[in-house]
Amino acid sequence: MFGGVIDAHPVVDTVVHFAAETHVDSSYTMSTRFTAVNVLGTHVVLEAVRSRMAQIKRFVHISTDEVYGETKSDETEGMVEDRVLLPTNPYAASKVGAEALVRAYYISFSLPAVIVRANNIFGPRQFPEKVIRVAGHVGNRRTHHGCHACQRPLEPMVVGLPA
């Protein structure tokens, strides 16, 4: 499956895995699709990378800040990489499942992996609801699904896996 892509490009040494179902609202009505795409899809990519570890030097898994769950606007702890993951919707739960697989491959197979927990990633052909809106910002934080009491910091986070 994915391995053919790597085989077709022998100079590839880094895989950046962005692919995911990401529309949180859709995850409430199509949760099994999110599990299949986000968890099983990540597993397929990890297997392809594992079978070519002599070639692949780095696997970057793009996750989401949604894995942390809700925070209140007066919370000062911030999102730190060792914070407990408490997903509050099927999308976030599927991303936690994908992260668990990445961590397992890092530990079990010494797969050279990095997990990035970003806010919204946007660009060409992006769905309009994914574009970070100025109106949604409160200081350096953004509101979560219209809830002004539930906010997250705007900066991305790179999760360091243990040695």
C-alpha atoms as a PDB file:
ATOM      1  CA  MET A   1       0.000   0.000   0.000  1.00  0.00           C
ATOM      2  CA  PHE A   2       1.985   2.996   1.295  1.00  0.00           C
ATOM      3  CA  GLY A   3       5.253   1.083   0.960  1.00  0.00           C
ATOM      4  CA  GLY A   4       5.034   1.393  -2.824  1.00  0.00           C
ATOM      5  CA  VAL A   5       5.253   5.157  -2.498  1.00  0.00           C
ATOM      6  CA  ILE A   6       8.457   4.839  -0.493  1.00  0.00           C
ATOM      7  CA  ASP A   7       9.856   2.258  -2.949  1.00  0.00           C
ATOM      8  CA  ALA A   8       9.122   4.586  -5.880  1.00  0.00           C
ATOM      9  CA  HIS A   9      11.209   7.317  -4.231  1.00  0.00           C
ATOM     10  CA  PRO A  10      14.433   5.715  -2.971  1.00  0.00           C
ATOM     11  CA  VAL A  11      15.869   9.042  -1.791  1.00  0.00           C
ATOM     12  CA  VAL A  12      13.064   9.499   0.765  1.00  0.00           C
ATOM     13  CA  ASP A  13      14.483   9.460   4.275  1.00  0.00           C
ATOM     14  CA  THR A  14      11.685  11.248   6.167  1.00  0.00           C
ATOM     15  CA  VAL A  15       7.971  10.523   6.262  1.00  0.00           C
ATOM     16  CA  VAL A  16       5.639  13.264   7.531  1.00  0.00           C
ATOM     17  CA  HIS A  17       2.222  11.783   8.250  1.00  0.00           C
ATOM     18  CA  PHE A  18      -0.519  14.460   7.996  1.00  0.00           C
ATOM     19  CA  ALA A  19      -3.296  12.235   6.630  1.00  0.00           C
ATOM     20  CA  ALA A  20      -6.375  12.159   8.842  1.00  0.00           C
ATOM     21  CA  GLU A  21     -10.079  12.722   9.109  1.00  0.00           C
ATOM     22  CA  THR A  22     -10.164  16.037  10.969  1.00  0.00           C
ATOM     23  CA  HIS A  23     -13.630  17.580  11.017  1.00  0.00           C
ATOM     24  CA  VAL A  24     -14.598  17.282  14.690  1.00  0.00           C
ATOM     25  CA  ASP A  25     -18.309  17.803  14.080  1.00  0.00           C
ATOM     26  CA  SER A  26     -18.362  14.934  11.551  1.00  0.00           C
ATOM     27  CA  SER A  27     -16.684  12.656  14.081  1.00  0.00           C
ATOM     28  CA  TYR A  28     -19.903  12.622  16.108  1.00  0.00           C
ATOM     29  CA  THR A  29     -21.864  11.016  13.269  1.00  0.00           C
ATOM     30  CA  MET A  30     -19.096   9.024  11.537  1.00  0.00           C
ATOM     31  CA  SER A  31     -16.897   7.940  14.442  1.00  0.00           C
ATOM     32  CA  THR A  32     -15.962   4.539  12.995  1.00  0.00           C
ATOM     33  CA  ARG A  33     -14.645   6.259   9.862  1.00  0.00           C
ATOM     34  CA  PHE A  34     -12.397   8.422  12.036  1.00  0.00           C
ATOM     35  CA  THR A  35     -11.085   5.336  13.823  1.00  0.00           C
ATOM     36  CA  ALA A  36     -10.450   3.535  10.536  1.00  0.00           C
ATOM     37  CA  VAL A  37      -8.698   6.462   8.846  1.00  0.00           C
ATOM     38  CA  ASN A  38      -6.812   7.899  11.808  1.00  0.00           C
ATOM     39  CA  VAL A  39      -5.851   4.749  13.727  1.00  0.00           C
ATOM     40  CA  LEU A  40      -5.727   2.025  11.083  1.00  0.00           C
ATOM     41  CA  GLY A  41      -4.326   4.471   8.512  1.00  0.00           C
ATOM     42  CA  THR A  42      -1.509   5.401  10.875  1.00  0.00           C
ATOM     43  CA  HIS A  43      -0.847   1.715  11.514  1.00  0.00           C
ATOM     44  CA  VAL A  44      -0.502   1.049   7.758  1.00  0.00           C
ATOM     45  CA  VAL A  45       1.956   3.933   7.389  1.00  0.00           C
ATOM     46  CA  LEU A  46       3.953   2.788  10.436  1.00  0.00           C
ATOM     47  CA  GLU A  47       4.259  -0.731   9.005  1.00  0.00           C
ATOM     48  CA  ALA A  48       5.491   0.635   5.686  1.00  0.00           C
ATOM     49  CA  VAL A  49       8.070   2.785   7.480  1.00  0.00           C
ATOM     50  CA  ARG A  50       9.125  -0.079   9.775  1.00  0.00           C
ATOM     51  CA  SER A  51       9.739  -2.379   6.806  1.00  0.00           C
ATOM     52  CA  ARG A  52      12.062   0.264   5.344  1.00  0.00           C
ATOM     53  CA  MET A  53      13.869   1.496   8.448  1.00  0.00           C
ATOM     54  CA  ALA A  54      17.265   1.232   6.742  1.00  0.00           C
ATOM     55  CA  GLN A  55      16.023   3.983   4.399  1.00  0.00           C
ATOM     56  CA  ILE A  56      13.718   6.040   6.665  1.00  0.00           C
ATOM     57  CA  LYS A  57      15.562   8.126   9.258  1.00  0.00           C
ATOM     58  CA  ARG A  58      12.605  10.047  10.707  1.00  0.00           C
ATOM     59  CA  PHE A  59       8.841   9.577  11.005  1.00  0.00           C
ATOM     60  CA  VAL A  60       6.925  12.747  11.913  1.00  0.00           C
ATOM     61  CA  HIS A  61       3.351  12.155  13.060  1.00  0.00           C
ATOM     62  CA  ILE A  62       1.142  15.242  12.967  1.00  0.00           C
ATOM     63  CA  SER A  63      -1.411  15.019  15.754  1.00  0.00           C
ATOM     64  CA  THR A  64      -3.579  17.691  17.386  1.00  0.00           C
ATOM     65  CA  ASP A  65      -3.949  19.709  20.552  1.00  0.00           C
ATOM     66  CA  GLU A  66      -7.445  18.178  20.763  1.00  0.00           C
ATOM     67  CA  VAL A  67      -5.888  15.140  22.492  1.00  0.00           C
ATOM     68  CA  TYR A  68      -5.596  17.202  25.695  1.00  0.00           C
ATOM     69  CA  GLY A  69      -9.338  17.792  25.981  1.00  0.00           C
ATOM     70  CA  GLU A  70     -10.784  20.968  27.405  1.00  0.00           C
ATOM     71  CA  THR A  71      -9.015  23.675  29.380  1.00  0.00           C
ATOM     72  CA  LYS A  72     -10.610  26.585  31.149  1.00  0.00           C
ATOM     73  CA  SER A  73      -9.615  30.134  30.244  1.00  0.00           C
ATOM     74  CA  ASP A  74      -8.191  30.747  33.736  1.00  0.00           C
ATOM     75  CA  GLU A  75      -6.028  27.615  33.652  1.00  0.00           C
ATOM     76  CA  THR A  76      -2.345  28.526  33.760  1.00  0.00           C
ATOM     77  CA  GLU A  77      -0.762  25.068  33.510  1.00  0.00           C
ATOM     78  CA  GLY A  78      -0.642  25.201  29.725  1.00  0.00           C
ATOM     79  CA  MET A  79      -0.251  22.331  27.354  1.00  0.00           C
ATOM     80  CA  VAL A  80       2.916  20.481  28.245  1.00  0.00           C
ATOM     81  CA  GLU A  81       3.922  17.244  26.585  1.00  0.00           C
ATOM     82  CA  ASP A  82       3.513  15.093  29.693  1.00  0.00           C
ATOM     83  CA  ARG A  83      -0.006  16.347  30.393  1.00  0.00           C
ATOM     84  CA  VAL A  84      -2.606  13.574  30.626  1.00  0.00           C
ATOM     85  CA  LEU A  85      -4.460  13.042  27.349  1.00  0.00           C
ATOM     86  CA  LEU A  86      -8.205  13.428  27.888  1.00  0.00           C
ATOM     87  CA  PRO A  87      -9.930  13.503  24.479  1.00  0.00           C
ATOM     88  CA  THR A  88     -13.511  14.762  24.549  1.00  0.00           C
ATOM     89  CA  ASN A  89     -14.715  13.793  21.071  1.00  0.00           C
ATOM     90  CA  PRO A  90     -14.310  10.841  18.672  1.00  0.00           C
ATOM     91  CA  TYR A  91     -11.825  12.757  16.494  1.00  0.00           C
ATOM     92  CA  ALA A  92      -9.518  13.461  19.423  1.00  0.00           C
ATOM     93  CA  ALA A  93      -9.855   9.881  20.686  1.00  0.00           C
ATOM     94  CA  SER A  94      -8.836   8.552  17.273  1.00  0.00           C
ATOM     95  CA  LYS A  95      -5.762  10.807  17.299  1.00  0.00           C
ATOM     96  CA  VAL A  96      -4.841   9.492  20.780  1.00  0.00           C
ATOM     97  CA  GLY A  97      -5.115   5.962  19.359  1.00  0.00           C
ATOM     98  CA  ALA A  98      -2.827   6.906  16.472  1.00  0.00           C
ATOM     99  CA  GLU A  99      -0.335   8.488  18.884  1.00  0.00           C
ATOM    100  CA  ALA A 100      -0.366   5.313  20.991  1.00  0.00           C
ATOM    101  CA  LEU A 101       0.651   3.299  17.934  1.00  0.00           C
ATOM    102  CA  VAL A 102       3.449   5.748  17.086  1.00  0.00           C
ATOM    103  CA  ARG A 103       4.744   5.501  20.654  1.00  0.00           C
ATOM    104  CA  ALA A 104       4.517   1.693  20.578  1.00  0.00           C
ATOM    105  CA  TYR A 105       6.530   1.539  17.347  1.00  0.00           C
ATOM    106  CA  TYR A 106       9.064   3.958  18.797  1.00  0.00           C
ATOM    107  CA  ILE A 107       9.519   1.707  21.865  1.00  0.00           C
ATOM    108  CA  SER A 108       9.069  -1.739  20.275  1.00  0.00           C
ATOM    109  CA  PHE A 109      10.919  -1.270  17.003  1.00  0.00           C
ATOM    110  CA  SER A 110      13.107   1.801  17.702  1.00  0.00           C
ATOM    111  CA  LEU A 111      11.265   3.577  14.911  1.00  0.00           C
ATOM    112  CA  PRO A 112      12.690   7.129  14.785  1.00  0.00           C
ATOM    113  CA  ALA A 113       9.442   8.981  15.510  1.00  0.00           C
ATOM    114  CA  VAL A 114       8.402  12.470  16.537  1.00  0.00           C
ATOM    115  CA  ILE A 115       4.833  13.512  17.409  1.00  0.00           C
ATOM    116  CA  VAL A 116       3.741  17.104  16.743  1.00  0.00           C
ATOM    117  CA  ARG A 117       0.570  18.346  18.471  1.00  0.00           C
ATOM    118  CA  ALA A 118      -0.417  21.408  16.497  1.00  0.00           C
ATOM    119  CA  ASN A 119      -3.513  23.589  16.453  1.00  0.00           C
ATOM    120  CA  ASN A 120      -5.104  23.949  13.028  1.00  0.00           C
ATOM    121  CA  ILE A 121      -2.879  23.399  10.024  1.00  0.00           C
ATOM    122  CA  PHE A 122      -4.160  25.335   7.063  1.00  0.00           C
ATOM    123  CA  GLY A 123      -3.309  26.133   3.473  1.00  0.00           C
ATOM    124  CA  PRO A 124      -4.567  25.800  -0.104  1.00  0.00           C
ATOM    125  CA  ARG A 125      -7.934  24.004  -0.531  1.00  0.00           C
ATOM    126  CA  GLN A 126      -8.495  24.177   3.226  1.00  0.00           C
ATOM    127  CA  PHE A 127     -12.010  23.870   4.613  1.00  0.00           C
ATOM    128  CA  PRO A 128     -13.175  27.365   5.710  1.00  0.00           C
ATOM    129  CA  GLU A 129     -13.915  26.240   9.280  1.00  0.00           C
ATOM    130  CA  LYS A 130     -10.254  25.240   9.723  1.00  0.00           C
ATOM    131  CA  VAL A 131      -8.836  28.693   9.027  1.00  0.00           C
ATOM    132  CA  ILE A 132      -7.858  30.337  12.291  1.00  0.00           C
ATOM    133  CA  ARG A 133     -10.166  33.304  12.652  1.00  0.00           C
ATOM    134  CA  VAL A 134      -9.084  36.493  14.343  1.00  0.00           C
ATOM    135  CA  ALA A 135     -12.454  36.648  16.116  1.00  0.00           C
ATOM    136  CA  GLY A 136     -11.725  33.292  17.763  1.00  0.00           C
ATOM    137  CA  HIS A 137      -8.575  34.523  19.490  1.00  0.00           C
ATOM    138  CA  VAL A 138      -8.489  35.637  23.087  1.00  0.00           C
ATOM    139  CA  GLY A 139      -5.023  36.976  23.816  1.00  0.00           C
ATOM    140  CA  ASN A 140      -2.639  34.266  22.668  1.00  0.00           C
ATOM    141  CA  ARG A 141      -5.289  31.550  23.053  1.00  0.00           C
ATOM    142  CA  ARG A 142      -8.078  30.375  20.766  1.00  0.00           C
ATOM    143  CA  THR A 143     -11.578  29.336  21.676  1.00  0.00           C
ATOM    144  CA  HIS A 144     -12.650  25.738  21.185  1.00  0.00           C
ATOM    145  CA  HIS A 145     -15.775  25.078  19.110  1.00  0.00           C
ATOM    146  CA  GLY A 146     -17.369  28.357  20.098  1.00  0.00           C
ATOM    147  CA  CYS A 147     -16.953  27.807  23.834  1.00  0.00           C
ATOM    148  CA  HIS A 148     -15.259  30.943  25.169  1.00  0.00           C
ATOM    149  CA  ALA A 149     -14.527  29.272  28.515  1.00  0.00           C
ATOM    150  CA  CYS A 150     -12.614  26.422  26.806  1.00  0.00           C
ATOM    151  CA  GLN A 151      -9.397  27.574  25.162  1.00  0.00           C
ATOM    152  CA  ARG A 152      -6.018  26.288  24.037  1.00  0.00           C
ATOM    153  CA  PRO A 153      -2.685  28.037  23.466  1.00  0.00           C
ATOM    154  CA  LEU A 154      -1.848  28.845  19.838  1.00  0.00           C
ATOM    155  CA  GLU A 155       1.673  27.472  19.629  1.00  0.00           C
ATOM    156  CA  PRO A 156       2.397  23.969  18.262  1.00  0.00           C
ATOM    157  CA  MET A 157       3.962  21.339  20.505  1.00  0.00           C
ATOM    158  CA  VAL A 158       6.545  18.734  19.636  1.00  0.00           C
ATOM    159  CA  VAL A 159       6.338  15.701  21.898  1.00  0.00           C
ATOM    160  CA  GLY A 160       9.675  14.216  22.864  1.00  0.00           C
ATOM    161  CA  LEU A 161       9.474  10.440  23.116  1.00  0.00           C
ATOM    162  CA  PRO A 162      11.634   8.950  25.882  1.00  0.00           C
ATOM    163  CA  ALA A 163      15.051   7.538  25.007  1.00  0.00           C
END
